[in-house]
C-alpha atoms as a PDB file:
ATOM      1  CA  LEU A   1     107.720 -50.660 -51.678  1.00  0.00           C
ATOM      2  CA  ASP A   2     105.649 -52.726 -50.343  1.00  0.00           C
ATOM      3  CA  GLN A   3     103.920 -53.338 -54.178  1.00  0.00           C
ATOM      4  CA  ALA A   4     107.522 -54.192 -55.465  1.00  0.00           C
ATOM      5  CA  ILE A   5     108.337 -56.606 -52.959  1.00  0.00           C
ATOM      6  CA  ALA A   6     104.779 -58.465 -54.330  1.00  0.00           C
ATOM      7  CA  LEU A   7     105.601 -58.427 -57.383  1.00  0.00           C
ATOM      8  CA  TYR A   8     109.161 -59.856 -56.738  1.00  0.00           C
ATOM      9  CA  GLU A   9     107.434 -62.830 -54.428  1.00  0.00           C
ATOM     10  CA  SER A  10     104.871 -63.787 -57.249  1.00  0.00           C
ATOM     11  CA  GLY A  11     108.013 -64.004 -60.334  1.00  0.00           C
ATOM     12  CA  ASP A  12     107.543 -61.041 -61.854  1.00  0.00           C
ATOM     13  CA  LEU A  13     111.355 -59.706 -61.646  1.00  0.00           C
ATOM     14  CA  ALA A  14     110.338 -56.882 -64.549  1.00  0.00           C
ATOM     15  CA  ALA A  15     107.429 -55.685 -62.956  1.00  0.00           C
ATOM     16  CA  ALA A  16     109.623 -56.314 -59.304  1.00  0.00           C
ATOM     17  CA  LYS A  17     112.478 -53.748 -61.147  1.00  0.00           C
ATOM     18  CA  THR A  18     110.370 -51.082 -62.675  1.00  0.00           C
ATOM     19  CA  ALA A  19     108.500 -50.313 -59.100  1.00  0.00           C
ATOM     20  CA  ALA A  20     111.100 -50.370 -56.916  1.00  0.00           C
ATOM     21  CA  THR A  21     113.465 -48.400 -59.437  1.00  0.00           C
ATOM     22  CA  ALA A  22     110.481 -45.402 -59.006  1.00  0.00           C
ATOM     23  CA  ILE A  23     110.437 -45.042 -55.388  1.00  0.00           C
ATOM     24  CA  PRO A  24     111.587 -41.160 -55.050  1.00  0.00           C
ATOM     25  CA  ASP A  25     115.162 -40.494 -53.809  1.00  0.00           C
ATOM     26  CA  ASP A  26     113.991 -39.005 -50.658  1.00  0.00           C
ATOM     27  CA  SER A  27     111.796 -41.800 -49.817  1.00  0.00           C
ATOM     28  CA  SER A  28     112.969 -43.228 -46.698  1.00  0.00           C
ATOM     29  CA  GLU A  29     111.849 -46.609 -48.409  1.00  0.00           C
ATOM     30  CA  ARG A  30     114.690 -45.924 -50.706  1.00  0.00           C
ATOM     31  CA  PRO A  31     117.275 -48.275 -48.381  1.00  0.00           C
ATOM     32  CA  ASP A  32     115.077 -51.177 -48.850  1.00  0.00           C
ATOM     33  CA  ALA A  33     114.255 -50.198 -52.744  1.00  0.00           C
ATOM     34  CA  HIS A  34     118.123 -50.365 -53.306  1.00  0.00           C
ATOM     35  CA  ASN A  35     118.642 -53.817 -51.310  1.00  0.00           C
ATOM     36  CA  LEU A  36     115.380 -55.173 -52.987  1.00  0.00           C
ATOM     37  CA  LEU A  37     117.262 -54.031 -56.861  1.00  0.00           C
ATOM     38  CA  ALA A  38     120.049 -56.023 -55.511  1.00  0.00           C
ATOM     39  CA  VAL A  39     118.448 -58.925 -54.865  1.00  0.00           C
ATOM     40  CA  ILE A  40     116.916 -58.673 -58.542  1.00  0.00           C
ATOM     41  CA  ALA A  41     120.294 -57.906 -60.237  1.00  0.00           C
ATOM     42  CA  GLN A  42     121.382 -61.185 -58.088  1.00  0.00           C
ATOM     43  CA  ASP A  43     118.768 -63.172 -59.301  1.00  0.00           C
ATOM     44  CA  GLU A  44     119.160 -61.835 -62.878  1.00  0.00           C
ATOM     45  CA  GLY A  45     123.187 -62.802 -62.606  1.00  0.00           C
ATOM     46  CA  GLU A  46     123.848 -59.844 -63.013  1.00  0.00           C
ATOM     47  CA  GLN A  47     126.018 -59.138 -60.500  1.00  0.00           C
ATOM     48  CA  ALA A  48     127.833 -56.124 -61.370  1.00  0.00           C
ATOM     49  CA  ASP A  49     124.274 -54.037 -60.885  1.00  0.00           C
ATOM     50  CA  ALA A  50     123.628 -56.410 -58.185  1.00  0.00           C
ATOM     51  CA  GLU A  51     126.857 -55.557 -55.779  1.00  0.00           C
ATOM     52  CA  ARG A  52     125.939 -51.229 -57.014  1.00  0.00           C
ATOM     53  CA  TYR A  53     122.983 -51.441 -55.688  1.00  0.00           C
ATOM     54  CA  ALA A  54     123.845 -53.515 -52.416  1.00  0.00           C
ATOM     55  CA  ARG A  55     126.532 -50.916 -51.620  1.00  0.00           C
ATOM     56  CA  ALA A  56     123.921 -47.698 -52.533  1.00  0.00           C
ATOM     57  CA  ALA A  57     121.957 -49.293 -49.924  1.00  0.00           C
ATOM     58  CA  LEU A  58     124.472 -49.712 -47.289  1.00  0.00           C
ATOM     59  CA  GLY A  59     125.750 -46.130 -48.682  1.00  0.00           C
ATOM     60  CA  LEU A  60     121.903 -45.108 -46.093  1.00  0.00           C
ATOM     61  CA  SER A  61     122.245 -47.574 -43.879  1.00  0.00           C
ATOM     62  CA  PRO A  62     125.917 -48.638 -43.418  1.00  0.00           C
ATOM     63  CA  SER A  63     125.638 -50.738 -40.446  1.00  0.00           C
ATOM     64  CA  ASN A  64     122.329 -52.983 -41.743  1.00  0.00           C
ATOM     65  CA  PRO A  65     122.671 -56.148 -41.618  1.00  0.00           C
ATOM     66  CA  LEU A  66     120.563 -57.682 -44.225  1.00  0.00           C
ATOM     67  CA  TYR A  67     121.968 -55.424 -47.060  1.00  0.00           C
ATOM     68  CA  LEU A  68     125.533 -56.451 -45.566  1.00  0.00           C
ATOM     69  CA  ASN A  69     124.082 -59.915 -46.183  1.00  0.00           C
ATOM     70  CA  THR A  70     122.826 -59.228 -50.097  1.00  0.00           C
ATOM     71  CA  LEU A  71     126.484 -57.231 -50.635  1.00  0.00           C
ATOM     72  CA  GLY A  72     127.989 -60.468 -48.461  1.00  0.00           C
ATOM     73  CA  ASN A  73     126.349 -63.066 -50.870  1.00  0.00           C
ATOM     74  CA  GLY A  74     126.879 -61.040 -54.277  1.00  0.00           C
ATOM     75  CA  LEU A  75     130.882 -61.026 -53.699  1.00  0.00           C
ATOM     76  CA  LEU A  76     130.710 -64.684 -53.117  1.00  0.00           C
ATOM     77  CA  SER A  77     128.642 -65.166 -56.193  1.00  0.00           C
ATOM     78  CA  GLN A  78     131.528 -63.332 -57.904  1.00  0.00           C
ATOM     79  CA  GLY A  79     134.603 -65.565 -56.610  1.00  0.00           C
ATOM     80  CA  ARG A  80     135.023 -62.940 -54.307  1.00  0.00           C
ATOM     81  CA  SER A  81     134.954 -65.597 -51.154  1.00  0.00           C
ATOM     82  CA  ASP A  82     137.424 -63.335 -49.181  1.00  0.00           C
ATOM     83  CA  ALA A  83     136.132 -60.083 -49.328  1.00  0.00           C
ATOM     84  CA  ALA A  84     133.103 -62.086 -49.235  1.00  0.00           C
ATOM     85  CA  VAL A  85     134.046 -63.511 -45.581  1.00  0.00           C
ATOM     86  CA  ARG A  86     134.564 -59.459 -44.515  1.00  0.00           C
ATOM     87  CA  VAL A  87     131.455 -58.524 -45.626  1.00  0.00           C
ATOM     88  CA  LEU A  88     129.703 -60.743 -43.990  1.00  0.00           C
ATOM     89  CA  LEU A  89     131.584 -60.992 -40.398  1.00  0.00           C
ATOM     90  CA  ASP A  90     129.628 -57.182 -39.965  1.00  0.00           C
ATOM     91  CA  ALA A  91     127.000 -58.591 -41.421  1.00  0.00           C
ATOM     92  CA  HIS A  92     127.015 -61.591 -38.476  1.00  0.00           C
ATOM     93  CA  GLU A  93     128.569 -58.841 -35.924  1.00  0.00           C
ATOM     94  CA  ALA A  94     125.326 -56.635 -36.761  1.00  0.00           C
ATOM     95  CA  ALA A  95     122.847 -59.762 -36.071  1.00  0.00           C
ATOM     96  CA  PRO A  96     124.120 -62.564 -34.486  1.00  0.00           C
ATOM     97  CA  ASP A  97     121.108 -64.338 -34.404  1.00  0.00           C
ATOM     98  CA  GLN A  98     120.050 -64.264 -37.714  1.00  0.00           C
ATOM     99  CA  ALA A  99     120.800 -68.132 -39.372  1.00  0.00           C
ATOM    100  CA  ASP A 100     120.546 -67.291 -42.806  1.00  0.00           C
ATOM    101  CA  ILE A 101     123.081 -64.556 -41.692  1.00  0.00           C
ATOM    102  CA  LEU A 102     125.662 -66.832 -40.606  1.00  0.00           C
ATOM    103  CA  PHE A 103     124.981 -69.750 -43.013  1.00  0.00           C
ATOM    104  CA  ASN A 104     126.264 -67.038 -46.078  1.00  0.00           C
ATOM    105  CA  LEU A 105     129.382 -66.225 -43.860  1.00  0.00           C
ATOM    106  CA  ALA A 106     129.997 -70.081 -43.320  1.00  0.00           C
ATOM    107  CA  ASN A 107     129.529 -70.880 -46.812  1.00  0.00           C
ATOM    108  CA  ALA A 108     132.170 -68.125 -48.080  1.00  0.00           C
ATOM    109  CA  GLN A 109     134.747 -69.124 -45.613  1.00  0.00           C
ATOM    110  CA  LYS A 110     134.533 -72.742 -46.633  1.00  0.00           C
ATOM    111  CA  GLN A 111     134.801 -71.249 -50.009  1.00  0.00           C
ATOM    112  CA  GLU A 112     137.964 -69.015 -48.815  1.00  0.00           C
ATOM    113  CA  GLY A 113     139.276 -72.674 -47.365  1.00  0.00           C
ATOM    114  CA  LEU A 114     139.157 -71.241 -43.676  1.00  0.00           C
ATOM    115  CA  LEU A 115     137.319 -74.581 -43.216  1.00  0.00           C
ATOM    116  CA  GLU A 116     137.927 -74.447 -39.350  1.00  0.00           C
ATOM    117  CA  ALA A 117     136.018 -71.227 -39.131  1.00  0.00           C
ATOM    118  CA  ALA A 118     133.089 -72.558 -41.449  1.00  0.00           C
ATOM    119  CA  ILE A 119     133.128 -75.904 -39.055  1.00  0.00           C
ATOM    120  CA  ASP A 120     132.708 -73.422 -36.428  1.00  0.00           C
ATOM    121  CA  SER A 121     129.755 -71.651 -37.871  1.00  0.00           C
ATOM    122  CA  TYR A 122     128.180 -74.189 -38.917  1.00  0.00           C
ATOM    123  CA  TYR A 123     127.723 -75.541 -35.922  1.00  0.00           C
ATOM    124  CA  SER A 124     126.444 -72.554 -34.686  1.00  0.00           C
ATOM    125  CA  VAL A 125     124.091 -71.487 -37.041  1.00  0.00           C
ATOM    126  CA  LEU A 126     122.275 -75.253 -36.302  1.00  0.00           C
ATOM    127  CA  ALA A 127     122.556 -74.103 -32.584  1.00  0.00           C
ATOM    128  CA  LEU A 128     120.321 -71.102 -33.751  1.00  0.00           C
ATOM    129  CA  ARG A 129     117.836 -73.414 -35.684  1.00  0.00           C
ATOM    130  CA  PRO A 130     118.111 -77.194 -35.679  1.00  0.00           C
ATOM    131  CA  GLY A 131     116.565 -78.834 -38.655  1.00  0.00           C
ATOM    132  CA  TYR A 132     118.397 -76.259 -41.249  1.00  0.00           C
ATOM    133  CA  SER A 133     118.942 -78.878 -43.586  1.00  0.00           C
ATOM    134  CA  GLY A 134     122.027 -76.682 -45.590  1.00  0.00           C
ATOM    135  CA  ALA A 135     124.011 -76.261 -42.406  1.00  0.00           C
ATOM    136  CA  TYR A 136     123.663 -80.213 -41.819  1.00  0.00           C
ATOM    137  CA  ASN A 137     125.146 -80.715 -45.332  1.00  0.00           C
ATOM    138  CA  ASN A 138     127.374 -78.545 -45.591  1.00  0.00           C
ATOM    139  CA  LEU A 139     129.122 -78.997 -42.480  1.00  0.00           C
ATOM    140  CA  ALA A 140     129.173 -82.962 -43.467  1.00  0.00           C
ATOM    141  CA  LEU A 141     131.008 -82.422 -46.869  1.00  0.00           C
ATOM    142  CA  ILE A 142     133.822 -80.687 -44.409  1.00  0.00           C
ATOM    143  CA  LEU A 143     133.997 -83.070 -41.921  1.00  0.00           C
ATOM    144  CA  LYS A 144     133.972 -85.784 -44.529  1.00  0.00           C
ATOM    145  CA  ALA A 145     136.608 -84.456 -46.294  1.00  0.00           C
ATOM    146  CA  THR A 146     138.847 -83.579 -43.444  1.00  0.00           C
ATOM    147  CA  GLY A 147     138.769 -86.903 -42.574  1.00  0.00           C
ATOM    148  CA  ASP A 148     136.775 -86.912 -39.741  1.00  0.00           C
ATOM    149  CA  VAL A 149     133.412 -89.519 -41.527  1.00  0.00           C
ATOM    150  CA  GLU A 150     132.649 -90.073 -37.690  1.00  0.00           C
ATOM    151  CA  SER A 151     131.205 -86.665 -36.997  1.00  0.00           C
ATOM    152  CA  ALA A 152     130.014 -86.627 -40.676  1.00  0.00           C
ATOM    153  CA  ALA A 153     127.778 -89.212 -40.177  1.00  0.00           C
ATOM    154  CA  ALA A 154     127.066 -88.830 -37.265  1.00  0.00           C
ATOM    155  CA  ILE A 155     125.567 -84.720 -38.381  1.00  0.00           C
ATOM    156  CA  LEU A 156     123.912 -86.450 -41.058  1.00  0.00           C
ATOM    157  CA  ILE A 157     121.714 -88.381 -38.929  1.00  0.00           C
ATOM    158  CA  GLU A 158     120.744 -85.704 -36.576  1.00  0.00           C
ATOM    159  CA  ALA A 159     120.212 -84.158 -40.585  1.00  0.00           C
ATOM    160  CA  VAL A 160     118.382 -87.004 -42.103  1.00  0.00           C
ATOM    161  CA  ALA A 161     116.007 -86.955 -38.357  1.00  0.00           C
ATOM    162  CA  HIS A 162     114.779 -83.793 -39.049  1.00  0.00           C
ATOM    163  CA  ALA A 163     114.127 -84.063 -42.974  1.00  0.00           C
ATOM    164  CA  PRO A 164     113.597 -88.024 -42.982  1.00  0.00           C
ATOM    165  CA  SER A 165     112.216 -88.316 -46.764  1.00  0.00           C
ATOM    166  CA  SER A 166     115.255 -85.712 -47.955  1.00  0.00           C
ATOM    167  CA  GLY A 167     116.941 -88.564 -50.457  1.00  0.00           C
ATOM    168  CA  GLY A 168     119.507 -86.159 -50.804  1.00  0.00           C
ATOM    169  CA  LEU A 169     120.296 -86.212 -47.370  1.00  0.00           C
ATOM    170  CA  ARG A 170     120.148 -89.888 -46.848  1.00  0.00           C
ATOM    171  CA  PHE A 171     122.893 -90.347 -50.500  1.00  0.00           C
ATOM    172  CA  ASN A 172     125.253 -88.673 -48.364  1.00  0.00           C
ATOM    173  CA  LEU A 173     124.648 -90.341 -45.508  1.00  0.00           C
ATOM    174  CA  GLY A 174     125.626 -93.495 -46.603  1.00  0.00           C
ATOM    175  CA  ASN A 175     128.707 -92.073 -48.333  1.00  0.00           C
ATOM    176  CA  ALA A 176     129.550 -91.053 -45.134  1.00  0.00           C
ATOM    177  CA  LEU A 177     128.700 -94.379 -43.151  1.00  0.00           C
ATOM    178  CA  HIS A 178     130.416 -96.126 -46.211  1.00  0.00           C
ATOM    179  CA  ALA A 179     133.372 -93.679 -45.488  1.00  0.00           C
ATOM    180  CA  ALA A 180     132.929 -94.235 -41.794  1.00  0.00           C
ATOM    181  CA  GLY A 181     133.382 -97.981 -43.142  1.00  0.00           C
ATOM    182  CA  ARG A 182     129.826 -99.066 -41.755  1.00  0.00           C
ATOM    183  CA  LEU A 183     128.919-101.008 -44.348  1.00  0.00           C
ATOM    184  CA  SER A 184     125.509-102.565 -43.808  1.00  0.00           C
ATOM    185  CA  ALA A 185     124.380 -99.517 -42.097  1.00  0.00           C
ATOM    186  CA  ALA A 186     125.229 -97.387 -45.284  1.00  0.00           C
ATOM    187  CA  GLU A 187     123.758 -99.783 -47.940  1.00  0.00           C
ATOM    188  CA  SER A 188     120.617 -99.261 -45.493  1.00  0.00           C
ATOM    189  CA  ALA A 189     120.860 -95.070 -45.898  1.00  0.00           C
ATOM    190  CA  TYR A 190     121.443 -95.795 -49.939  1.00  0.00           C
ATOM    191  CA  ARG A 191     117.810 -97.761 -50.319  1.00  0.00           C
ATOM    192  CA  LYS A 192     116.031 -95.369 -48.460  1.00  0.00           C
ATOM    193  CA  ALA A 193     117.362 -92.786 -50.880  1.00  0.00           C
ATOM    194  CA  ILE A 194     116.472 -94.904 -53.650  1.00  0.00           C
ATOM    195  CA  GLU A 195     113.391 -95.639 -52.521  1.00  0.00           C
ATOM    196  CA  LEU A 196     112.849 -91.757 -52.060  1.00  0.00           C
ATOM    197  CA  ILE A 197     114.443 -91.166 -55.219  1.00  0.00           C
ATOM    198  CA  PRO A 198     114.137 -94.068 -57.816  1.00  0.00           C
ATOM    199  CA  ASP A 199     115.931 -92.736 -59.908  1.00  0.00           C
ATOM    200  CA  HIS A 200     119.189 -91.851 -58.423  1.00  0.00           C
ATOM    201  CA  ALA A 201     122.010 -93.721 -60.286  1.00  0.00           C
ATOM    202  CA  ASP A 202     124.921 -92.144 -58.056  1.00  0.00           C
ATOM    203  CA  ALA A 203     122.604 -94.301 -55.413  1.00  0.00           C
ATOM    204  CA  TYR A 204     122.267 -97.453 -56.923  1.00  0.00           C
ATOM    205  CA  ALA A 205     126.213 -97.452 -58.392  1.00  0.00           C
ATOM    206  CA  ASN A 206     127.099 -96.459 -54.482  1.00  0.00           C
ATOM    207  CA  LEU A 207     125.065 -99.373 -53.029  1.00  0.00           C
ATOM    208  CA  GLY A 208     126.421-101.795 -55.737  1.00  0.00           C
ATOM    209  CA  VAL A 209     130.148-100.900 -54.114  1.00  0.00           C
ATOM    210  CA  VAL A 210     128.975-101.246 -50.450  1.00  0.00           C
ATOM    211  CA  LEU A 211     127.741-105.241 -51.129  1.00  0.00           C
ATOM    212  CA  ALA A 212     130.454-106.058 -53.598  1.00  0.00           C
ATOM    213  CA  GLU A 213     132.725-104.831 -50.891  1.00  0.00           C
ATOM    214  CA  ALA A 214     130.700-106.646 -47.987  1.00  0.00           C
ATOM    215  CA  GLY A 215     131.274-110.181 -50.279  1.00  0.00           C
ATOM    216  CA  LEU A 216     127.178-109.708 -51.993  1.00  0.00           C
ATOM    217  CA  LYS A 217     128.937-108.939 -55.678  1.00  0.00           C
ATOM    218  CA  PRO A 218     125.433-111.230 -57.188  1.00  0.00           C
ATOM    219  CA  ASP A 219     123.555-108.319 -55.953  1.00  0.00           C
ATOM    220  CA  ALA A 220     125.983-105.828 -56.759  1.00  0.00           C
ATOM    221  CA  GLU A 221     125.680-106.987 -59.888  1.00  0.00           C
END
C-alpha cells in the first residue's frame, strides 16, 4: 500500500492503480487500497468506478470517516448532492475535528441549496482551521449571494490577512466591497489584485466600473 500511495503522490496513476489492485483481498490493507482506487478513479473522471471502490472500502469498514468522505466527494462530483450531504454528515459525525471533511460537507450543502447549513459549516471549518482559503472564499460567495455583503467583505478581509498574496481573494474582496458601496476600498482591492495578477481582465473591468461610479470616468477609460 505504501508503494501504491507513493506512486499516486508522484502522479503515476496507472502504476498506483496496479499496485493497489495487487493487494490481496485478505490483507488488512485491502480497505485502504479500495479507497485509494476510488480516489484514483475520481481523478480520472471515472465516477462509477470511484463509487464502486468507495463502497467496497465501506463494506469492509462501514464507519471509516475517510472512506465516507471519499464516497461523499464522488457523489457530489456526480451531482448527487442530496446523497452526498447524508454521507458527509456521517463522515463529519465520525470525525468532527476534520476540517477537510467539514469543508466537503459545506460544499455539498451549498450545492444542495442548504445555504444556512452551509454557512454554519464554513464558519465551523474556519474555527477548526483558521486560514482555510477555500472556506473563506465559498462562505463569502454565499453571504454575498444572500445579500449580506458586509459580512462577505469582513470574511474576505480576514482571508486576505491570512493569504495576502492571493490575487483571487483580493478580486473577490473588491467585488464584495463594491457591492457594499465601499468604492474607495473596492478600488484598492482591485488594484492589488491586478498587481498580483497583471493579466486579470475582470479585475481591470471591475476597477473601471468602480472608478466610473466614483466620478473618475477618465481614469476608468
